[in-house]
């Protein structure tokens, strides 16, 4: 069977390449999988430190990495931390891990202790831990700050989900900027049948 060349195929390919290059040049955010990576600067830190009292998260920037000090890992999806000098409780957005029974660890849900241990390990190994708020409400009904946490450059929530120790839950737009990233991690854990997906 004789194959015929399509006319203008080289021209079409060239145009496609030019369009992609222009998109990369002028709209790099389309190709950036993690659109946070914007760190708060020292001037903003000083300004927010003066305003933030632990109960007014509306003064905190959105989609910006803010340094925190981890005081305690409560479980796989909750930590206590110091943010701009204030003690706060932080609940991970869109991730749910099995519940730890703090009175009787033997009564914890399956994989609860493993999820907590992974969370602890990731945070302990970091030189710096960061909190990032999304575009929606900054707190939940228990006055916990809702956010994403990073151990240096590691997206802690994604690691927990990818390890099969957490699931994607409580998705409430616009607090869902990384939903696809977390769902992809969940799909991989499920496909590999690890931990919660056994």
Protein backbone atom coordinates (compact mmCIF):
# COMPACT_ATOMS: atom_id res chain seq x y z
CA UNK A 1 0.00 0.00 0.00
CA UNK A 2 1.43 3.32 -1.04
CA UNK A 3 1.57 6.09 1.56
CA UNK A 4 1.08 9.63 0.42
CA UNK A 5 2.49 12.59 2.28
CA UNK A 6 0.03 15.08 3.59
CA UNK A 7 0.67 18.54 2.22
CA UNK A 8 1.89 21.15 4.68
CA UNK A 9 2.71 18.57 7.41
CA UNK A 10 6.12 20.16 8.04
CA UNK A 11 4.54 23.59 8.10
CA UNK A 12 1.86 22.39 10.57
CA UNK A 13 4.50 20.86 12.83
CA UNK A 14 6.52 24.06 12.78
CA UNK A 15 3.46 26.14 13.66
CA UNK A 16 2.64 23.76 16.55
CA UNK A 17 6.16 24.05 17.92
CA UNK A 18 6.06 27.85 17.70
CA UNK A 19 2.69 27.94 19.52
CA UNK A 20 4.02 25.72 22.34
CA UNK A 21 7.16 27.85 22.68
CA UNK A 22 5.08 31.02 22.86
CA UNK A 23 2.84 29.48 25.51
CA UNK A 24 5.86 28.43 27.59
CA UNK A 25 7.35 31.89 27.24
CA UNK A 26 4.26 33.98 27.98
CA UNK A 27 2.12 31.62 30.09
CA UNK A 28 4.52 29.41 32.10
CA UNK A 29 1.86 28.76 34.76
CA UNK A 30 0.10 26.41 32.30
CA UNK A 31 3.09 24.10 32.50
CA UNK A 32 3.78 24.49 36.21
CA UNK A 33 2.36 21.56 38.15
CA UNK A 34 2.78 23.29 41.49
CA UNK A 35 1.74 26.91 41.25
CA UNK A 36 2.64 27.81 44.81
CA UNK A 37 6.44 28.03 45.21
CA UNK A 38 5.94 31.70 45.95
CA UNK A 39 7.76 32.31 49.21
CA UNK A 40 6.80 35.10 51.55
CA UNK A 41 9.51 37.75 51.81
CA UNK A 42 10.99 39.24 54.99
CA UNK A 43 9.05 42.48 54.67
CA UNK A 44 5.75 40.58 54.44
CA UNK A 45 6.77 38.37 57.38
CA UNK A 46 7.36 41.44 59.56
CA UNK A 47 4.06 43.01 58.49
CA UNK A 48 1.98 39.87 59.03
CA UNK A 49 3.70 39.10 62.34
CA UNK A 50 2.38 42.44 63.62
CA UNK A 51 -1.16 41.72 62.40
CA UNK A 52 -1.66 37.99 62.94
CA UNK A 53 -2.94 37.02 66.39
CA UNK A 54 -3.73 33.36 65.72
CA UNK A 55 -7.45 34.04 65.24
CA UNK A 56 -7.52 36.23 62.14
CA UNK A 57 -6.30 34.05 59.25
CA UNK A 58 -7.78 36.52 56.76
CA UNK A 59 -4.52 38.52 57.07
CA UNK A 60 -2.51 35.54 55.78
CA UNK A 61 -1.55 35.41 52.10
CA UNK A 62 -3.03 32.76 49.81
CA UNK A 63 -1.01 30.37 47.63
CA UNK A 64 2.18 31.55 49.31
CA UNK A 65 4.63 29.43 51.28
CA UNK A 66 4.88 30.65 54.87
CA UNK A 67 7.51 29.20 57.24
CA UNK A 68 6.17 27.37 60.30
CA UNK A 69 7.68 25.51 63.24
CA UNK A 70 6.06 22.15 63.90
CA UNK A 71 5.27 21.74 67.61
CA UNK A 72 3.44 18.40 67.45
CA UNK A 73 2.25 15.89 64.89
CA UNK A 74 -1.27 14.99 66.03
CA UNK A 75 -1.95 12.36 63.36
CA UNK A 76 -1.59 11.82 59.62
CA UNK A 77 -3.53 14.93 58.62
CA UNK A 78 -3.25 17.34 61.57
CA UNK A 79 -0.36 19.17 63.23
CA UNK A 80 0.17 21.85 65.84
CA UNK A 81 2.59 24.56 64.80
CA UNK A 82 3.86 28.06 65.42
CA UNK A 83 2.98 30.50 62.67
CA UNK A 84 4.31 34.05 62.94
CA UNK A 85 4.79 33.53 66.69
CA UNK A 86 1.26 32.19 67.28
CA UNK A 87 0.29 28.62 68.19
CA UNK A 88 -2.15 27.18 65.65
CA UNK A 89 -3.73 23.86 64.73
CA UNK A 90 -3.40 22.96 61.05
CA UNK A 91 -5.65 20.49 59.22
CA UNK A 92 -4.45 19.28 55.83
CA UNK A 93 -6.73 20.22 52.95
CA UNK A 94 -8.45 17.44 50.96
CA UNK A 95 -6.58 14.64 52.74
CA UNK A 96 -8.08 12.28 55.29
CA UNK A 97 -6.08 9.70 57.22
CA UNK A 98 -7.29 7.02 59.66
CA UNK A 99 -8.06 8.27 63.16
CA UNK A 100 -5.55 7.86 65.98
CA UNK A 101 -6.99 6.95 69.39
CA UNK A 102 -4.78 9.08 71.63
CA UNK A 103 -6.06 7.41 74.82
CA UNK A 104 -5.45 3.90 73.53
CA UNK A 105 -3.20 3.66 70.45
CA UNK A 106 -4.12 -0.04 70.13
CA UNK A 107 -7.69 1.09 69.40
CA UNK A 108 -6.62 3.39 66.54
CA UNK A 109 -8.03 2.74 63.07
CA UNK A 110 -5.91 0.55 60.78
CA UNK A 111 -2.92 2.44 59.34
CA UNK A 112 -3.52 5.43 61.63
CA UNK A 113 -0.18 5.04 63.40
CA UNK A 114 1.62 4.48 60.08
CA UNK A 115 0.10 7.66 58.64
CA UNK A 116 1.12 9.62 61.72
CA UNK A 117 4.64 8.15 61.60
CA UNK A 118 5.07 9.08 57.92
CA UNK A 119 3.83 12.61 58.60
CA UNK A 120 6.27 12.88 61.53
CA UNK A 121 9.16 11.50 59.51
CA UNK A 122 8.65 13.88 56.59
CA UNK A 123 8.37 16.92 58.86
CA UNK A 124 11.28 15.90 61.12
CA UNK A 125 13.62 15.47 58.16
CA UNK A 126 12.98 18.97 56.78
CA UNK A 127 15.25 21.94 57.27
CA UNK A 128 12.17 24.15 56.89
CA UNK A 129 8.44 23.39 56.93
CA UNK A 130 6.00 25.62 55.07
CA UNK A 131 2.27 26.22 55.20
CA UNK A 132 0.26 27.32 52.18
CA UNK A 133 -3.37 28.47 52.24
CA UNK A 134 -5.69 28.01 49.30
CA UNK A 135 -8.27 30.43 47.87
CA UNK A 136 -11.24 29.43 50.04
CA UNK A 137 -12.01 29.58 53.77
CA UNK A 138 -8.86 29.53 55.89
CA UNK A 139 -10.35 27.62 58.84
CA UNK A 140 -12.74 24.75 59.49
CA UNK A 141 -15.56 24.44 62.03
CA UNK A 142 -13.00 23.62 64.74
CA UNK A 143 -10.96 26.80 64.09
CA UNK A 144 -8.12 24.78 62.62
CA UNK A 145 -6.22 26.46 59.79
CA UNK A 146 -6.80 24.60 56.53
CA UNK A 147 -3.77 24.32 54.34
CA UNK A 148 -1.07 22.46 52.49
CA UNK A 149 2.21 21.61 54.20
CA UNK A 150 5.64 21.20 52.64
CA UNK A 151 8.79 19.68 54.14
CA UNK A 152 11.41 21.66 52.23
CA UNK A 153 10.33 20.94 48.62
CA UNK A 154 8.31 17.83 49.46
CA UNK A 155 4.52 18.16 49.26
CA UNK A 156 3.67 16.27 52.47
CA UNK A 157 0.01 15.69 51.60
CA UNK A 158 0.89 14.12 48.27
CA UNK A 159 3.43 11.80 49.92
CA UNK A 160 0.85 10.59 52.44
CA UNK A 161 -1.74 9.90 49.74
CA UNK A 162 0.83 8.31 47.39
CA UNK A 163 1.86 5.96 50.23
CA UNK A 164 -1.71 4.71 50.52
CA UNK A 165 -2.02 6.13 54.03
CA UNK A 166 -4.53 8.86 53.20
CA UNK A 167 -7.43 9.43 50.85
CA UNK A 168 -8.72 12.48 49.01
CA UNK A 169 -11.77 13.72 50.93
CA UNK A 170 -13.62 16.90 51.85
CA UNK A 171 -13.01 18.65 48.53
CA UNK A 172 -14.57 22.10 48.71
CA UNK A 173 -13.76 24.52 45.89
CA UNK A 174 -12.07 26.95 45.74
CA UNK A 175 -9.93 25.16 48.37
CA UNK A 176 -8.93 22.57 45.78
CA UNK A 177 -6.01 23.99 43.78
CA UNK A 178 -4.09 20.70 44.05
CA UNK A 179 -7.01 18.32 43.72
CA UNK A 180 -5.78 16.75 40.48
CA UNK A 181 -2.29 16.24 41.88
CA UNK A 182 -3.67 14.51 44.98
CA UNK A 183 -6.15 12.41 42.99
CA UNK A 184 -3.33 11.23 40.72
CA UNK A 185 -1.35 10.16 43.80
CA UNK A 186 -4.42 8.35 45.14
CA UNK A 187 -4.97 6.59 41.81
CA UNK A 188 -1.37 5.35 41.82
CA UNK A 189 -1.64 4.05 45.40
CA UNK A 190 -4.89 2.30 44.54
CA UNK A 191 -3.39 0.78 41.39
CA UNK A 192 -0.45 -0.54 43.44
CA UNK A 193 -2.84 -1.86 46.17
CA UNK A 194 -0.76 -0.42 48.99
CA UNK A 195 -1.83 0.06 52.62
CA UNK A 196 -5.42 1.37 52.69
CA UNK A 197 -5.94 0.03 49.18
CA UNK A 198 -4.98 -3.60 49.95
